[in-house]
């Protein structure tokens, strides 16, 4: 990992400092694209609106998890449904078959 001059950069713990502009949790939640979470973290929204969004997000997440667990359980149960029956007919009617020759050189 040497640079162009052949020097290896110093990555010691003392040289690494924490950036003061690290976003806090509220900033991350208000800038997320996840629907509903943004409304819960906004400072300007009313408490009733925050509670309503929290309930909606929690219910949606719960239904999602129930569905995922149900589908995963169904997948790992390996259900099989095999029903084979053989029917013999003495005569069959074949459909009319038309062959179209699309070749230009006949």
C-alpha atoms as a PDB file:
ATOM      1  CA  UNK A   1       0.000   0.000   0.000  1.00  0.00           C
ATOM      2  CA  UNK A   2       2.757   2.410  -0.836  1.00  0.00           C
ATOM      3  CA  UNK A   3       2.076   5.670  -2.642  1.00  0.00           C
ATOM      4  CA  UNK A   4       3.899   6.918  -5.758  1.00  0.00           C
ATOM      5  CA  UNK A   5       6.988   7.894  -3.775  1.00  0.00           C
ATOM      6  CA  UNK A   6       7.206   4.490  -2.117  1.00  0.00           C
ATOM      7  CA  UNK A   7       6.115   5.735   1.310  1.00  0.00           C
ATOM      8  CA  UNK A   8       3.658   3.730   3.364  1.00  0.00           C
ATOM      9  CA  UNK A   9       0.911   5.879   4.917  1.00  0.00           C
ATOM     10  CA  UNK A  10       0.699   5.989   8.708  1.00  0.00           C
ATOM     11  CA  UNK A  11      -2.669   4.659   9.913  1.00  0.00           C
ATOM     12  CA  UNK A  12      -1.934   4.701  13.607  1.00  0.00           C
ATOM     13  CA  UNK A  13      -4.757   5.226  16.086  1.00  0.00           C
ATOM     14  CA  UNK A  14      -3.430   8.601  17.202  1.00  0.00           C
ATOM     15  CA  UNK A  15      -3.642  10.032  13.680  1.00  0.00           C
ATOM     16  CA  UNK A  16      -7.288   9.033  13.146  1.00  0.00           C
ATOM     17  CA  UNK A  17      -9.618  11.584  14.681  1.00  0.00           C
ATOM     18  CA  UNK A  18     -13.398  11.495  14.787  1.00  0.00           C
ATOM     19  CA  UNK A  19     -15.050  13.973  12.454  1.00  0.00           C
ATOM     20  CA  UNK A  20     -17.172  16.516  14.340  1.00  0.00           C
ATOM     21  CA  UNK A  21     -19.654  16.596  11.476  1.00  0.00           C
ATOM     22  CA  UNK A  22     -20.744  12.998  11.982  1.00  0.00           C
ATOM     23  CA  UNK A  23     -24.539  12.997  11.591  1.00  0.00           C
ATOM     24  CA  UNK A  24     -26.584  12.005  14.600  1.00  0.00           C
ATOM     25  CA  UNK A  25     -29.484   9.553  14.552  1.00  0.00           C
ATOM     26  CA  UNK A  26     -32.131  12.250  14.038  1.00  0.00           C
ATOM     27  CA  UNK A  27     -30.310  13.585  10.965  1.00  0.00           C
ATOM     28  CA  UNK A  28     -30.050  10.101   9.496  1.00  0.00           C
ATOM     29  CA  UNK A  29     -33.728   9.377  10.151  1.00  0.00           C
ATOM     30  CA  UNK A  30     -34.969  12.667   8.694  1.00  0.00           C
ATOM     31  CA  UNK A  31     -32.931  12.156   5.522  1.00  0.00           C
ATOM     32  CA  UNK A  32     -33.838   8.515   4.969  1.00  0.00           C
ATOM     33  CA  UNK A  33     -35.900   7.321   2.025  1.00  0.00           C
ATOM     34  CA  UNK A  34     -37.731   4.780   4.178  1.00  0.00           C
ATOM     35  CA  UNK A  35     -41.386   5.801   4.151  1.00  0.00           C
ATOM     36  CA  UNK A  36     -42.801   6.879   7.490  1.00  0.00           C
ATOM     37  CA  UNK A  37     -39.544   6.908   9.449  1.00  0.00           C
ATOM     38  CA  UNK A  38     -38.828  10.411   8.210  1.00  0.00           C
ATOM     39  CA  UNK A  39     -42.115  11.666   9.676  1.00  0.00           C
ATOM     40  CA  UNK A  40     -41.391  10.108  13.068  1.00  0.00           C
ATOM     41  CA  UNK A  41     -38.042  11.897  13.444  1.00  0.00           C
ATOM     42  CA  UNK A  42     -39.073  15.365  12.214  1.00  0.00           C
ATOM     43  CA  UNK A  43     -38.899  18.095  14.853  1.00  0.00           C
ATOM     44  CA  UNK A  44     -41.736  20.170  13.384  1.00  0.00           C
ATOM     45  CA  UNK A  45     -44.400  17.461  13.329  1.00  0.00           C
ATOM     46  CA  UNK A  46     -47.047  17.199  16.044  1.00  0.00           C
ATOM     47  CA  UNK A  47     -46.824  14.412  18.653  1.00  0.00           C
ATOM     48  CA  UNK A  48     -50.120  12.904  17.430  1.00  0.00           C
ATOM     49  CA  UNK A  49     -48.719  12.720  13.907  1.00  0.00           C
ATOM     50  CA  UNK A  50     -45.524  11.080  15.181  1.00  0.00           C
ATOM     51  CA  UNK A  51     -47.498   8.474  17.143  1.00  0.00           C
ATOM     52  CA  UNK A  52     -49.696   7.744  14.125  1.00  0.00           C
ATOM     53  CA  UNK A  53     -46.654   7.256  11.879  1.00  0.00           C
ATOM     54  CA  UNK A  54     -44.972   5.108  14.531  1.00  0.00           C
ATOM     55  CA  UNK A  55     -48.045   2.856  14.707  1.00  0.00           C
ATOM     56  CA  UNK A  56     -48.221   2.601  10.902  1.00  0.00           C
ATOM     57  CA  UNK A  57     -44.527   1.769  10.542  1.00  0.00           C
ATOM     58  CA  UNK A  58     -44.671  -0.767  13.382  1.00  0.00           C
ATOM     59  CA  UNK A  59     -47.756  -2.507  11.944  1.00  0.00           C
ATOM     60  CA  UNK A  60     -46.224  -2.600   8.453  1.00  0.00           C
ATOM     61  CA  UNK A  61     -42.961  -4.001   9.792  1.00  0.00           C
ATOM     62  CA  UNK A  62     -44.853  -6.592  11.847  1.00  0.00           C
ATOM     63  CA  UNK A  63     -46.918  -7.729   8.858  1.00  0.00           C
ATOM     64  CA  UNK A  64     -43.766  -7.919   6.766  1.00  0.00           C
ATOM     65  CA  UNK A  65     -42.041 -10.114   9.346  1.00  0.00           C
ATOM     66  CA  UNK A  66     -45.097 -12.384   9.708  1.00  0.00           C
ATOM     67  CA  UNK A  67     -45.214 -12.825   5.944  1.00  0.00           C
ATOM     68  CA  UNK A  68     -41.474 -13.539   5.663  1.00  0.00           C
ATOM     69  CA  UNK A  69     -41.573 -16.069   8.506  1.00  0.00           C
ATOM     70  CA  UNK A  70     -44.646 -17.755   7.018  1.00  0.00           C
ATOM     71  CA  UNK A  71     -43.116 -18.005   3.541  1.00  0.00           C
ATOM     72  CA  UNK A  72     -39.773 -19.224   4.911  1.00  0.00           C
ATOM     73  CA  UNK A  73     -41.556 -21.879   6.970  1.00  0.00           C
ATOM     74  CA  UNK A  74     -43.517 -22.997   3.924  1.00  0.00           C
ATOM     75  CA  UNK A  75     -40.333 -23.135   1.858  1.00  0.00           C
ATOM     76  CA  UNK A  76     -38.426 -25.234   4.382  1.00  0.00           C
ATOM     77  CA  UNK A  77     -41.326 -27.676   4.881  1.00  0.00           C
ATOM     78  CA  UNK A  78     -40.765 -28.902   1.299  1.00  0.00           C
ATOM     79  CA  UNK A  79     -44.441 -29.598   0.575  1.00  0.00           C
ATOM     80  CA  UNK A  80     -45.103 -31.907  -2.360  1.00  0.00           C
ATOM     81  CA  UNK A  81     -48.381 -32.686  -4.017  1.00  0.00           C
ATOM     82  CA  UNK A  82     -48.250 -35.527  -6.516  1.00  0.00           C
ATOM     83  CA  UNK A  83     -51.417 -36.867  -8.095  1.00  0.00           C
ATOM     84  CA  UNK A  84     -50.922 -39.073 -11.137  1.00  0.00           C
ATOM     85  CA  UNK A  85     -53.763 -40.652 -13.025  1.00  0.00           C
ATOM     86  CA  UNK A  86     -53.656 -42.379 -16.403  1.00  0.00           C
ATOM     87  CA  UNK A  87     -56.650 -42.353 -18.725  1.00  0.00           C
ATOM     88  CA  UNK A  88     -56.620 -44.446 -21.903  1.00  0.00           C
ATOM     89  CA  UNK A  89     -58.860 -43.554 -24.819  1.00  0.00           C
ATOM     90  CA  UNK A  90     -59.573 -45.894 -27.687  1.00  0.00           C
ATOM     91  CA  UNK A  91     -59.643 -43.210 -30.342  1.00  0.00           C
ATOM     92  CA  UNK A  92     -58.436 -39.657 -30.542  1.00  0.00           C
ATOM     93  CA  UNK A  93     -59.337 -36.841 -32.878  1.00  0.00           C
ATOM     94  CA  UNK A  94     -56.286 -35.103 -34.210  1.00  0.00           C
ATOM     95  CA  UNK A  95     -56.548 -31.430 -35.093  1.00  0.00           C
ATOM     96  CA  UNK A  96     -56.155 -30.209 -38.638  1.00  0.00           C
ATOM     97  CA  UNK A  97     -52.549 -29.251 -39.299  1.00  0.00           C
ATOM     98  CA  UNK A  98     -51.553 -26.662 -41.874  1.00  0.00           C
ATOM     99  CA  UNK A  99     -47.929 -26.357 -42.941  1.00  0.00           C
ATOM    100  CA  UNK A 100     -46.950 -23.018 -44.389  1.00  0.00           C
ATOM    101  CA  UNK A 101     -43.807 -22.998 -46.447  1.00  0.00           C
ATOM    102  CA  UNK A 102     -42.242 -19.576 -45.940  1.00  0.00           C
ATOM    103  CA  UNK A 103     -39.239 -20.437 -48.078  1.00  0.00           C
ATOM    104  CA  UNK A 104     -38.970 -18.050 -51.075  1.00  0.00           C
ATOM    105  CA  UNK A 105     -37.181 -20.693 -53.169  1.00  0.00           C
ATOM    106  CA  UNK A 106     -39.814 -23.346 -53.917  1.00  0.00           C
END
